Amino acid sequence: MHQVIEFFEKLLDTSDWPPRWYCGKWTDFHGWLFIISDLLVWSAYFAIPLIIIRYISRRHDARFFRLYFLFAGFICACGATHLFDALSFWYPAYRLGALMRLITGLISWTTVVYLIKLMPLAIKLRTSSQLEAEIQQREKAEDKFRTLLEVAPDCMVIMDGNGTVQLVNAQTEKMFGLNRETMIGKSIDQLMLSSFDRLLGIIRTSAAANTDGNTTQVDRIECFGKRAGEPEFPIEISLSPLQTEDGLLLIAAIRDVSEKKRMEKEIREANSSLEKKVQQRTEELERKNRELETFAYVASHDLQEPLRTTSAFVDLLRKRYHGQMDETADQYLDFIHQSSDRMKVLITNLLDYSRIGREKELVEVDCNELLQDVVGDLDQSIRENNAAVQCESLPTVNAYKVELKQLFQNLISNSLKFRKPGISPDIRVGALRENGHWVFSFKDNGIGINPAYHEKVFVLFQRLHKRTEYEGTGIGLANCKKIVELHGGKIWVESAQNEGCTFFFTISEIQ
């Protein structure tokens, strides 16, 4: 350690050695040859780094900057050792020369290590022939790109991040009435009324909306184009931003949508006219429906009075003259009496049908309580037929309570009426939530319905059986359909002959 300290203390001391001229037998020629050779090597070693630095300052795209500087340092250090050798003939600073050689060795090995690390990458570098081939491929690709650009059906405009037009195709010249020399190098604003800043703002907004922050294609920006000596016309622009080494490029596809806008206007006018016609037709149908309902109500109501009179006189005739006339006359009176009773029932049912929905009032209806009320009203018929009515948990819905009760009553009455002989009716009521609706089901073990008549049973006055087999007027299920449609739902039946029926109907959760 003492020697190291002494070395640096006497770093510039030359007293321990004589000048090199006095070491050995130097002739003038030999000595100056040695000195001049070292100086030439030193000057060359110092010139080479200057040339390298000059090259780097001119070529900003040069690779391996660190390697260049390491080479420059290594060469300068080597030159310095030769300079010290030349100076030692007069100034024997051998300690300083030794330190310089150590620095040269360290820089040399640092360069060697760095070269070893760069070797795999250097091996992968393309040769000049490969670079020439790549240049040719790029030129071919550019030619193809230009060809595709020219044959594109839309106007294609390529501009930089400042909106300066870089490239256009033939369709652009045709649409805007300008030649490409006039457009290239000018602002895109010369082609449209909207400013380029608006387009750039839309792109930035699109980029901000993306979680990754990248710009993406922006479709169908609507604005107006400008054509020399002609009025403005509507255009649609689709922008595709592209980040390049030279900065942002925007590829704009521009389409003249004058015809599209004209057709849209015609469609809007047609739709508006159609909506008015539909509204008028709807109002007319609603008016006619109200008139029909009023007519049915009035007609049914007015028919009751003469029917009462007819029935009263028929009853008087039966009481006073029954058995006093021949058998045929008595049979005729019985026919008139039965027909009058059927007419009473028919008129009553017609009145009920016409009253459905006349006084609409939506209320919350607990269907469990409603079903219990219906079962209570039909208790006598249920007992007589030894029937069982089973119920799952039913929902509470917004409905017209009177009409909904009539719907439940008609469906249960139907199951009691169309039972199988000798078999007790088993009626099951349930409801399921499905797609924003409640689907109610009334299932029985009765005689069933032939699939061919599944639609017919809901038509007014349609009967599938003779009066001698089953009573009825053919209005009950028509009433059911009208009530369900009043609630905005639909009704249908699933059944097969002698296998019972399941009636389904829907009621919306929100009326």
Protein backbone atom coordinates (compact mmCIF):
# COMPACT_ATOMS: atom_id res chain seq x y z
CA MET A 1 0.00 0.00 0.00
CA HIS A 2 2.99 2.29 0.75
CA GLN A 3 4.24 1.76 -2.81
CA VAL A 4 0.86 2.72 -4.29
CA ILE A 5 0.74 5.96 -2.28
CA GLU A 6 4.33 6.74 -3.21
CA PHE A 7 3.47 6.00 -6.89
CA PHE A 8 0.74 8.63 -7.03
CA GLU A 9 2.76 11.13 -4.98
CA LYS A 10 5.61 10.95 -7.51
CA LEU A 11 3.29 10.59 -10.54
CA LEU A 12 4.92 13.53 -12.37
CA ASP A 13 8.41 13.15 -10.79
CA THR A 14 11.14 12.39 -13.37
CA SER A 15 14.14 12.31 -11.03
CA ASP A 16 14.26 8.51 -10.75
CA TRP A 17 15.10 8.02 -14.44
CA PRO A 18 17.22 9.84 -16.98
CA PRO A 19 15.68 11.02 -20.28
CA ARG A 20 15.45 8.26 -22.82
CA TRP A 21 18.21 9.79 -24.96
CA TYR A 22 20.62 8.77 -22.23
CA CYS A 23 19.37 5.18 -21.89
CA GLY A 24 21.42 3.06 -24.26
CA LYS A 25 23.32 4.15 -27.34
CA TRP A 26 20.87 6.16 -29.44
CA THR A 27 22.02 7.67 -32.69
CA ASP A 28 20.29 10.81 -33.92
CA PHE A 29 18.73 8.93 -36.79
CA HIS A 30 17.48 6.05 -34.63
CA GLY A 31 16.11 8.33 -31.92
CA TRP A 32 14.27 10.72 -34.22
CA LEU A 33 12.88 7.79 -36.23
CA PHE A 34 11.38 6.42 -33.00
CA ILE A 35 10.04 9.82 -31.95
CA ILE A 36 8.53 10.69 -35.34
CA SER A 37 6.91 7.22 -35.68
CA ASP A 38 5.24 7.55 -32.24
CA LEU A 39 4.00 11.04 -33.08
CA LEU A 40 2.56 9.85 -36.40
CA VAL A 41 0.74 6.97 -34.66
CA TRP A 42 -0.51 9.36 -31.94
CA SER A 43 -1.81 11.90 -34.47
CA ALA A 44 -3.57 9.20 -36.48
CA TYR A 45 -5.13 7.71 -33.32
CA PHE A 46 -6.49 11.13 -32.36
CA ALA A 47 -7.76 11.90 -35.88
CA ILE A 48 -9.79 8.69 -36.11
CA PRO A 49 -12.09 9.55 -33.09
CA LEU A 50 -12.67 13.01 -34.54
CA ILE A 51 -13.83 11.43 -37.79
CA ILE A 52 -16.09 9.01 -35.85
CA ILE A 53 -17.64 11.86 -33.83
CA ARG A 54 -18.19 13.85 -37.02
CA TYR A 55 -19.96 10.83 -38.59
CA ILE A 56 -22.22 10.37 -35.56
CA SER A 57 -23.15 14.06 -35.52
CA ARG A 58 -24.22 13.83 -39.17
CA ARG A 59 -26.01 10.44 -38.99
CA HIS A 60 -28.66 10.66 -36.30
CA ASP A 61 -30.03 7.28 -37.38
CA ALA A 62 -26.71 5.50 -36.73
CA ARG A 63 -26.93 2.51 -34.40
CA PHE A 64 -24.63 1.43 -31.54
CA PHE A 65 -23.68 4.94 -30.34
CA ARG A 66 -22.02 3.54 -27.22
CA LEU A 67 -19.77 1.31 -29.29
CA TYR A 68 -18.61 4.29 -31.35
CA PHE A 69 -17.66 6.22 -28.23
CA LEU A 70 -15.89 3.19 -26.74
CA PHE A 71 -13.86 2.83 -29.94
CA ALA A 72 -13.04 6.54 -29.86
CA GLY A 73 -11.89 6.30 -26.23
CA PHE A 74 -9.88 3.14 -26.89
CA ILE A 75 -8.09 4.67 -29.90
CA CYS A 76 -7.39 7.94 -28.06
CA ALA A 77 -5.91 6.00 -25.12
CA CYS A 78 -3.70 3.97 -27.45
CA GLY A 79 -2.52 7.20 -29.13
CA ALA A 80 -1.74 8.71 -25.72
CA THR A 81 0.67 5.83 -24.91
CA HIS A 82 2.59 6.58 -28.10
CA LEU A 83 2.67 10.28 -27.20
CA PHE A 84 4.18 9.50 -23.78
CA ASP A 85 6.77 7.23 -25.44
CA ALA A 86 7.86 10.13 -27.68
CA LEU A 87 7.97 12.61 -24.76
CA SER A 88 10.03 10.26 -22.63
CA PHE A 89 13.11 11.17 -24.69
CA TRP A 90 13.08 14.53 -22.86
CA TYR A 91 10.56 14.06 -20.02
CA PRO A 92 10.81 10.57 -18.47
CA ALA A 93 7.38 10.53 -16.64
CA TYR A 94 7.26 6.72 -16.62
CA ARG A 95 4.78 6.62 -13.74
CA LEU A 96 2.27 8.73 -15.75
CA GLY A 97 2.91 6.55 -18.81
CA ALA A 98 2.21 3.40 -16.78
CA LEU A 99 -1.09 4.88 -15.52
CA MET A 100 -2.02 5.77 -19.10
CA ARG A 101 -1.34 2.20 -20.22
CA LEU A 102 -3.59 0.91 -17.38
CA ILE A 103 -6.40 3.21 -18.53
CA THR A 104 -5.85 1.99 -22.12
CA GLY A 105 -6.13 -1.62 -20.97
CA LEU A 106 -9.37 -0.99 -19.04
CA ILE A 107 -10.98 0.82 -21.97
CA SER A 108 -9.79 -1.95 -24.32
CA TRP A 109 -11.38 -4.71 -22.26
CA THR A 110 -14.58 -2.70 -21.77
CA THR A 111 -14.80 -2.46 -25.57
CA VAL A 112 -14.15 -6.22 -25.88
CA VAL A 113 -16.94 -7.07 -23.41
CA TYR A 114 -19.36 -4.74 -25.16
CA LEU A 115 -18.46 -6.25 -28.54
CA ILE A 116 -19.14 -9.74 -27.18
CA LYS A 117 -22.59 -8.59 -26.02
CA LEU A 118 -23.34 -6.98 -29.38
CA MET A 119 -22.18 -9.96 -31.40
CA PRO A 120 -25.56 -11.81 -31.56
CA LEU A 121 -27.31 -8.60 -32.63
CA ALA A 122 -24.61 -7.77 -35.15
CA ILE A 123 -24.89 -11.25 -36.66
CA LYS A 124 -28.64 -10.66 -37.19
CA LEU A 125 -28.06 -7.42 -39.09
CA ARG A 126 -29.10 -7.61 -42.70
CA THR A 127 -26.53 -7.62 -45.43
CA SER A 128 -26.47 -5.03 -48.20
CA SER A 129 -28.10 -7.51 -50.60
CA GLN A 130 -30.85 -8.17 -48.09
CA LEU A 131 -31.38 -4.42 -47.63
CA GLU A 132 -31.54 -3.93 -51.39
CA ALA A 133 -34.10 -6.76 -51.64
CA GLU A 134 -36.16 -5.16 -48.85
CA ILE A 135 -36.06 -1.80 -50.61
CA GLN A 136 -37.32 -3.45 -53.79
CA GLN A 137 -40.13 -5.16 -51.86
CA ARG A 138 -41.10 -1.86 -50.28
CA GLU A 139 -41.14 -0.18 -53.66
CA LYS A 140 -43.40 -2.95 -54.98
CA ALA A 141 -45.65 -2.61 -51.91
CA GLU A 142 -45.85 1.15 -52.44
CA ASP A 143 -46.77 0.58 -56.09
CA LYS A 144 -49.53 -1.84 -55.03
CA PHE A 145 -50.73 0.61 -52.40
CA ARG A 146 -50.89 3.42 -54.93
CA THR A 147 -52.73 1.14 -57.37
CA LEU A 148 -55.27 0.14 -54.72
CA LEU A 149 -55.65 3.77 -53.76
CA GLU A 150 -56.40 4.71 -57.34
CA VAL A 151 -59.01 1.99 -57.91
CA ALA A 152 -60.78 2.57 -54.56
CA PRO A 153 -64.48 3.43 -55.11
CA ASP A 154 -64.33 6.21 -52.48
CA CYS A 155 -62.21 9.33 -52.34
CA MET A 156 -59.00 8.50 -50.47
CA VAL A 157 -57.01 11.32 -48.89
CA ILE A 158 -53.84 10.84 -46.84
CA MET A 159 -52.84 13.77 -44.65
CA ASP A 160 -50.40 14.46 -41.83
CA GLY A 161 -51.15 15.46 -38.25
CA ASN A 162 -51.57 19.09 -39.30
CA GLY A 163 -54.20 18.33 -41.94
CA THR A 164 -51.83 18.86 -44.87
CA VAL A 165 -52.75 16.63 -47.83
CA GLN A 166 -49.99 14.18 -48.74
CA LEU A 167 -51.68 11.91 -51.27
CA VAL A 168 -55.03 11.66 -53.09
CA ASN A 169 -56.58 9.32 -55.64
CA ALA A 170 -58.45 9.89 -58.90
CA GLN A 171 -61.89 9.74 -57.22
CA THR A 172 -60.90 12.74 -55.09
CA GLU A 173 -60.10 14.77 -58.21
CA LYS A 174 -63.41 13.75 -59.74
CA MET A 175 -65.54 14.51 -56.65
CA PHE A 176 -64.04 17.90 -55.73
CA GLY A 177 -63.17 19.09 -59.24
CA LEU A 178 -59.51 19.79 -58.42
CA ASN A 179 -56.33 18.20 -59.77
CA ARG A 180 -54.05 16.48 -57.29
CA GLU A 181 -51.22 18.99 -57.75
CA THR A 182 -53.58 21.67 -56.43
CA MET A 183 -54.58 19.59 -53.40
CA ILE A 184 -51.25 18.04 -52.33
CA GLY A 185 -49.41 20.20 -49.84
CA LYS A 186 -52.56 22.20 -49.01
CA SER A 187 -54.89 21.94 -46.01
CA ILE A 188 -57.78 19.48 -46.08
CA ASP A 189 -59.99 22.48 -45.21
CA GLN A 190 -60.05 23.38 -48.91
CA LEU A 191 -62.22 20.30 -49.52
CA MET A 192 -64.84 20.59 -46.78
CA LEU A 193 -66.69 23.11 -44.65
CA SER A 194 -65.76 21.48 -41.33
CA SER A 195 -62.30 22.39 -40.10
CA PHE A 196 -59.50 19.89 -39.65
CA ASP A 197 -59.43 20.74 -35.94
CA ARG A 198 -62.90 19.20 -35.63
CA LEU A 199 -61.68 15.94 -37.20
CA LEU A 200 -58.62 15.91 -34.96
CA GLY A 201 -60.83 16.53 -31.92
CA ILE A 202 -63.03 13.56 -32.82
CA ILE A 203 -59.96 11.32 -33.10
CA ARG A 204 -58.64 12.48 -29.73
CA THR A 205 -62.05 11.88 -28.16
CA SER A 206 -62.04 8.37 -29.62
CA ALA A 207 -58.57 7.75 -28.21
CA ALA A 208 -59.62 9.02 -24.78
CA ALA A 209 -62.60 6.65 -24.83
CA ASN A 210 -60.29 3.66 -25.29
CA THR A 211 -58.88 2.09 -22.14
CA ASP A 212 -55.52 1.52 -23.85
CA GLY A 213 -55.36 5.11 -25.10
CA ASN A 214 -54.71 4.08 -28.71
CA THR A 215 -56.40 5.89 -31.57
CA THR A 216 -58.84 3.78 -33.54
CA GLN A 217 -60.80 4.16 -36.74
CA VAL A 218 -63.61 6.71 -36.59
CA ASP A 219 -66.50 5.96 -38.94
CA ARG A 220 -69.08 8.17 -40.58
CA ILE A 221 -68.24 11.72 -39.62
CA GLU A 222 -70.90 13.76 -41.39
CA CYS A 223 -70.08 17.19 -42.81
CA PHE A 224 -70.29 19.09 -46.09
CA GLY A 225 -67.88 19.15 -49.00
CA LYS A 226 -66.92 22.09 -51.22
CA ARG A 227 -66.82 21.97 -54.99
CA ALA A 228 -65.67 24.89 -57.13
CA GLY A 229 -68.60 26.90 -58.49
CA GLU A 230 -71.20 24.52 -57.04
CA PRO A 231 -73.28 24.39 -53.84
CA GLU A 232 -72.05 22.41 -50.84
CA PHE A 233 -72.92 18.71 -50.73
CA PRO A 234 -73.15 16.19 -47.84
CA ILE A 235 -70.23 13.81 -47.33
CA GLU A 236 -69.27 11.06 -44.88
CA ILE A 237 -65.68 10.68 -43.71
CA SER A 238 -64.11 7.59 -42.15
CA LEU A 239 -60.75 8.32 -40.51
CA SER A 240 -58.01 5.78 -39.83
CA PRO A 241 -55.12 7.23 -37.79
CA LEU A 242 -51.67 5.69 -38.27
CA GLN A 243 -48.64 6.40 -36.09
CA THR A 244 -45.41 6.40 -38.13
CA GLU A 245 -41.80 7.35 -37.55
CA ASP A 246 -42.58 10.70 -39.17
CA GLY A 247 -45.57 11.31 -36.89
CA LEU A 248 -49.34 10.91 -37.19
CA LEU A 249 -50.87 10.12 -40.60
CA LEU A 250 -54.62 10.17 -41.23
CA ILE A 251 -56.20 8.10 -43.98
CA ALA A 252 -59.59 9.57 -44.85
CA ALA A 253 -62.18 7.72 -46.94
CA ILE A 254 -64.70 10.31 -48.20
CA ARG A 255 -68.04 9.42 -49.74
CA ASP A 256 -70.65 11.64 -51.39
CA VAL A 257 -73.93 10.82 -49.60
CA SER A 258 -76.20 13.21 -51.50
CA GLU A 259 -78.30 10.33 -52.88
CA LYS A 260 -78.42 8.63 -49.49
CA LYS A 261 -79.63 11.82 -47.80
CA ARG A 262 -82.28 12.30 -50.48
CA MET A 263 -83.58 8.75 -49.94
CA GLU A 264 -83.53 9.18 -46.15
CA LYS A 265 -85.61 12.32 -46.53
CA GLU A 266 -88.11 10.51 -48.75
CA ILE A 267 -88.29 7.63 -46.25
CA ARG A 268 -88.86 10.04 -43.35
CA GLU A 269 -91.63 11.78 -45.27
CA ALA A 270 -93.19 8.43 -46.22
CA ASN A 271 -92.96 7.22 -42.61
CA SER A 272 -94.51 10.44 -41.36
CA SER A 273 -97.35 10.10 -43.85
CA LEU A 274 -97.78 6.42 -42.95
CA GLU A 275 -97.84 7.21 -39.24
CA LYS A 276 -100.57 9.78 -39.81
CA LYS A 277 -102.59 7.28 -41.84
CA VAL A 278 -102.10 4.58 -39.21
CA GLN A 279 -103.12 7.00 -36.48
CA GLN A 280 -106.23 8.00 -38.42
CA ARG A 281 -107.04 4.35 -39.12
CA THR A 282 -106.51 3.44 -35.48
CA GLU A 283 -108.77 6.24 -34.31
CA GLU A 284 -111.39 5.14 -36.85
CA LEU A 285 -111.19 1.51 -35.69
CA GLU A 286 -111.41 2.56 -32.05
CA ARG A 287 -114.46 4.64 -32.87
CA LYS A 288 -116.09 1.75 -34.74
CA ASN A 289 -115.28 -0.63 -31.87
CA ARG A 290 -116.91 1.75 -29.42
CA GLU A 291 -119.93 2.01 -31.69
CA LEU A 292 -120.14 -1.78 -31.98
CA GLU A 293 -119.84 -2.23 -28.23
CA THR A 294 -122.51 0.40 -27.69
CA PHE A 295 -124.71 -1.24 -30.32
CA ALA A 296 -124.26 -4.70 -28.75
CA TYR A 297 -125.03 -3.33 -25.31
CA VAL A 298 -128.09 -1.35 -26.45
CA ALA A 299 -129.35 -4.15 -28.72
CA SER A 300 -129.00 -6.77 -25.99
CA HIS A 301 -130.59 -4.46 -23.42
CA ASP A 302 -133.50 -3.57 -25.73
CA LEU A 303 -134.08 -7.24 -26.62
CA GLN A 304 -134.66 -8.15 -22.99
CA GLU A 305 -137.98 -6.30 -22.67
CA PRO A 306 -139.82 -8.00 -25.59
CA LEU A 307 -138.25 -11.30 -24.52
CA ARG A 308 -139.64 -10.88 -21.01
CA THR A 309 -143.06 -10.18 -22.49
CA THR A 310 -142.85 -13.23 -24.75
CA SER A 311 -141.69 -15.46 -21.87
CA ALA A 312 -144.44 -14.15 -19.58
CA PHE A 313 -147.21 -14.90 -22.11
CA VAL A 314 -145.72 -18.34 -22.86
CA ASP A 315 -145.72 -19.11 -19.12
CA LEU A 316 -149.38 -17.98 -18.88
CA LEU A 317 -150.32 -20.19 -21.83
CA ARG A 318 -148.55 -23.20 -20.29
CA LYS A 319 -150.21 -22.68 -16.90
CA ARG A 320 -153.73 -22.11 -18.30
CA TYR A 321 -153.90 -24.42 -21.29
CA HIS A 322 -151.26 -27.13 -20.61
CA GLY A 323 -153.01 -30.50 -20.97
CA GLN A 324 -156.14 -29.00 -22.48
CA MET A 325 -154.78 -29.00 -26.01
CA ASP A 326 -153.40 -31.88 -27.97
CA GLU A 327 -149.90 -33.26 -27.31
CA THR A 328 -148.37 -31.44 -30.28
CA ALA A 329 -149.53 -28.02 -28.99
CA ASP A 330 -148.03 -28.77 -25.56
CA GLN A 331 -144.74 -29.76 -27.23
CA TYR A 332 -144.71 -26.49 -29.20
CA LEU A 333 -145.20 -24.50 -26.00
CA ASP A 334 -142.30 -26.38 -24.37
CA PHE A 335 -140.07 -25.58 -27.37
CA ILE A 336 -141.02 -21.88 -27.15
CA HIS A 337 -140.30 -21.87 -23.40
CA GLN A 338 -136.89 -23.54 -23.82
CA SER A 339 -135.94 -21.22 -26.68
CA SER A 340 -136.94 -18.19 -24.58
CA ASP A 341 -134.73 -19.39 -21.71
CA ARG A 342 -131.79 -19.91 -24.06
CA MET A 343 -132.35 -16.46 -25.51
CA LYS A 344 -132.30 -14.97 -21.99
CA VAL A 345 -128.96 -16.64 -21.29
CA LEU A 346 -127.58 -15.60 -24.67
CA ILE A 347 -128.62 -11.95 -24.22
CA THR A 348 -127.19 -11.91 -20.68
CA ASN A 349 -123.91 -13.29 -21.98
CA LEU A 350 -123.85 -10.76 -24.79
CA LEU A 351 -124.36 -7.98 -22.27
CA ASP A 352 -121.50 -9.35 -20.19
CA TYR A 353 -119.27 -9.53 -23.30
CA SER A 354 -120.07 -5.93 -24.29
CA ARG A 355 -119.43 -4.67 -20.74
CA ILE A 356 -115.88 -6.08 -20.63
CA GLY A 357 -113.45 -3.18 -20.33
CA ARG A 358 -116.11 -0.47 -20.36
CA GLU A 359 -115.05 0.82 -16.94
CA LYS A 360 -111.28 0.26 -16.84
CA GLU A 361 -109.57 0.74 -13.50
CA LEU A 362 -106.20 -0.89 -12.89
CA VAL A 363 -105.64 -1.98 -9.31
CA GLU A 364 -103.32 -4.31 -7.48
CA VAL A 365 -104.98 -7.72 -7.38
CA ASP A 366 -103.83 -10.55 -5.11
CA CYS A 367 -104.55 -13.54 -7.34
CA ASN A 368 -104.57 -15.92 -4.34
CA GLU A 369 -107.43 -14.00 -2.73
CA LEU A 370 -109.18 -13.63 -6.09
CA LEU A 371 -109.07 -17.40 -6.67
CA GLN A 372 -110.47 -18.05 -3.17
CA ASP A 373 -113.41 -15.71 -3.96
CA VAL A 374 -114.09 -17.57 -7.23
CA VAL A 375 -113.93 -20.97 -5.48
CA GLY A 376 -116.35 -19.64 -2.85
CA ASP A 377 -118.79 -18.46 -5.55
CA LEU A 378 -118.63 -21.85 -7.28
CA ASP A 379 -118.70 -23.83 -4.04
CA GLN A 380 -122.09 -25.47 -4.74
CA SER A 381 -121.04 -26.66 -8.22
CA ILE A 382 -117.66 -27.85 -6.89
CA ARG A 383 -119.36 -29.90 -4.16
CA GLU A 384 -121.92 -31.38 -6.56
CA ASN A 385 -119.17 -32.59 -8.91
CA ASN A 386 -116.86 -33.71 -6.06
CA ALA A 387 -114.16 -31.53 -7.67
CA ALA A 388 -110.78 -30.50 -6.24
CA VAL A 389 -109.19 -27.13 -6.96
CA GLN A 390 -105.48 -27.03 -6.11
CA CYS A 391 -103.45 -23.83 -6.28
CA GLU A 392 -99.77 -22.91 -6.20
CA SER A 393 -98.66 -19.53 -4.88
CA LEU A 394 -100.04 -16.89 -7.26
CA PRO A 395 -98.63 -13.36 -7.77
CA THR A 396 -100.07 -9.93 -7.14
CA VAL A 397 -100.61 -8.13 -10.46
CA ASN A 398 -101.92 -4.81 -11.75
CA ALA A 399 -105.19 -5.76 -13.41
CA TYR A 400 -108.87 -5.01 -13.90
CA LYS A 401 -110.22 -6.88 -10.91
CA VAL A 402 -113.79 -7.54 -12.07
CA GLU A 403 -112.68 -8.80 -15.49
CA LEU A 404 -109.86 -10.92 -14.03
CA LYS A 405 -112.30 -12.56 -11.61
CA GLN A 406 -114.63 -13.33 -14.52
CA LEU A 407 -111.67 -14.89 -16.40
CA PHE A 408 -110.80 -17.17 -13.46
CA GLN A 409 -114.47 -18.09 -13.00
CA ASN A 410 -115.01 -18.94 -16.70
CA LEU A 411 -111.95 -21.21 -16.85
CA ILE A 412 -112.84 -23.11 -13.65
CA SER A 413 -116.51 -23.38 -14.74
CA ASN A 414 -115.33 -24.81 -18.06
CA SER A 415 -113.31 -27.50 -16.24
CA LEU A 416 -116.36 -28.40 -14.11
CA LYS A 417 -118.64 -28.52 -17.14
CA PHE A 418 -116.46 -30.57 -19.49
CA ARG A 419 -115.53 -33.31 -17.00
CA LYS A 420 -115.18 -36.99 -17.83
CA PRO A 421 -118.20 -39.08 -16.80
CA GLY A 422 -117.60 -40.90 -13.51
CA ILE A 423 -114.29 -39.08 -12.78
CA SER A 424 -114.03 -36.27 -10.24
CA PRO A 425 -112.60 -33.05 -11.76
CA ASP A 426 -109.05 -32.22 -10.65
CA ILE A 427 -108.22 -28.57 -11.37
CA ARG A 428 -104.70 -27.16 -10.82
CA VAL A 429 -103.91 -23.44 -11.01
CA GLY A 430 -100.36 -22.05 -11.23
CA ALA A 431 -98.25 -19.13 -12.46
CA LEU A 432 -94.64 -18.65 -13.61
CA ARG A 433 -92.65 -15.49 -14.31
CA GLU A 434 -91.25 -15.45 -17.86
CA ASN A 435 -89.69 -12.57 -19.86
CA GLY A 436 -91.44 -9.79 -17.96
CA HIS A 437 -94.83 -11.59 -17.93
CA TRP A 438 -96.75 -13.84 -15.61
CA VAL A 439 -97.88 -17.02 -17.38
CA PHE A 440 -100.98 -18.43 -15.65
CA SER A 441 -102.10 -22.02 -16.21
CA PHE A 442 -105.46 -23.74 -15.51
CA LYS A 443 -105.09 -27.50 -15.92
CA ASP A 444 -107.87 -30.12 -15.65
CA ASN A 445 -108.43 -33.83 -16.28
CA GLY A 446 -111.56 -33.38 -18.40
CA ILE A 447 -112.55 -34.56 -21.86
CA GLY A 448 -109.95 -32.42 -23.63
CA ILE A 449 -110.10 -30.63 -26.98
CA ASN A 450 -109.10 -31.90 -30.40
CA PRO A 451 -105.99 -29.95 -31.54
CA ALA A 452 -107.85 -29.02 -34.74
CA TYR A 453 -110.17 -26.80 -32.65
CA HIS A 454 -107.62 -25.08 -30.41
CA GLU A 455 -108.13 -21.73 -32.19
CA LYS A 456 -111.84 -22.14 -32.86
CA VAL A 457 -112.82 -22.43 -29.17
CA PHE A 458 -112.01 -18.73 -28.60
CA VAL A 459 -114.33 -17.50 -31.40
CA LEU A 460 -117.66 -15.97 -30.39
CA PHE A 461 -120.66 -18.40 -30.54
CA GLN A 462 -118.46 -21.37 -31.52
CA ARG A 463 -119.58 -24.64 -29.91
CA LEU A 464 -117.93 -28.05 -30.20
CA HIS A 465 -120.76 -30.05 -28.61
CA LYS A 466 -124.52 -30.39 -28.92
CA ARG A 467 -126.76 -28.60 -26.41
CA THR A 468 -128.11 -31.98 -25.31
CA GLU A 469 -124.57 -32.97 -24.24
CA TYR A 470 -123.29 -29.74 -22.67
CA GLU A 471 -125.07 -26.47 -21.92
CA GLY A 472 -123.68 -23.15 -23.07
CA THR A 473 -123.80 -20.37 -25.64
CA GLY A 474 -120.22 -20.41 -27.00
CA ILE A 475 -119.38 -17.04 -25.43
CA GLY A 476 -117.41 -18.05 -22.32
CA LEU A 477 -113.99 -18.57 -23.90
CA ALA A 478 -114.52 -15.57 -26.20
CA ASN A 479 -114.98 -13.55 -23.01
CA CYS A 480 -111.71 -15.02 -21.69
CA LYS A 481 -109.83 -13.98 -24.83
CA LYS A 482 -111.23 -10.46 -24.72
CA ILE A 483 -110.26 -10.07 -21.03
CA VAL A 484 -106.71 -11.34 -21.62
CA GLU A 485 -106.25 -9.02 -24.62
CA LEU A 486 -107.59 -6.16 -22.48
CA HIS A 487 -104.57 -6.81 -20.22
CA GLY A 488 -102.19 -6.84 -23.20
CA GLY A 489 -101.65 -10.62 -23.03
CA LYS A 490 -102.52 -13.68 -25.05
CA ILE A 491 -104.38 -16.91 -24.33
CA TRP A 492 -103.98 -20.41 -25.74
CA VAL A 493 -104.81 -24.02 -24.95
CA GLU A 494 -102.77 -27.21 -24.97
CA SER A 495 -104.84 -30.36 -25.08
CA ALA A 496 -105.63 -33.63 -26.77
CA GLN A 497 -108.88 -35.54 -27.02
CA ASN A 498 -109.73 -37.28 -23.69
CA GLU A 499 -106.49 -36.10 -22.06
CA GLY A 500 -107.63 -32.95 -20.25
CA CYS A 501 -106.88 -29.31 -21.03
CA THR A 502 -104.38 -26.71 -19.92
CA PHE A 503 -105.36 -23.12 -20.62
CA PHE A 504 -102.48 -20.60 -20.52
CA PHE A 505 -102.70 -16.83 -20.52
CA THR A 506 -100.18 -14.03 -19.90
CA ILE A 507 -100.38 -10.80 -17.93
CA SER A 508 -97.54 -8.27 -17.99
CA GLU A 509 -95.78 -7.52 -14.72
CA ILE A 510 -96.11 -3.81 -15.51
CA GLN A 511 -99.39 -2.57 -16.96
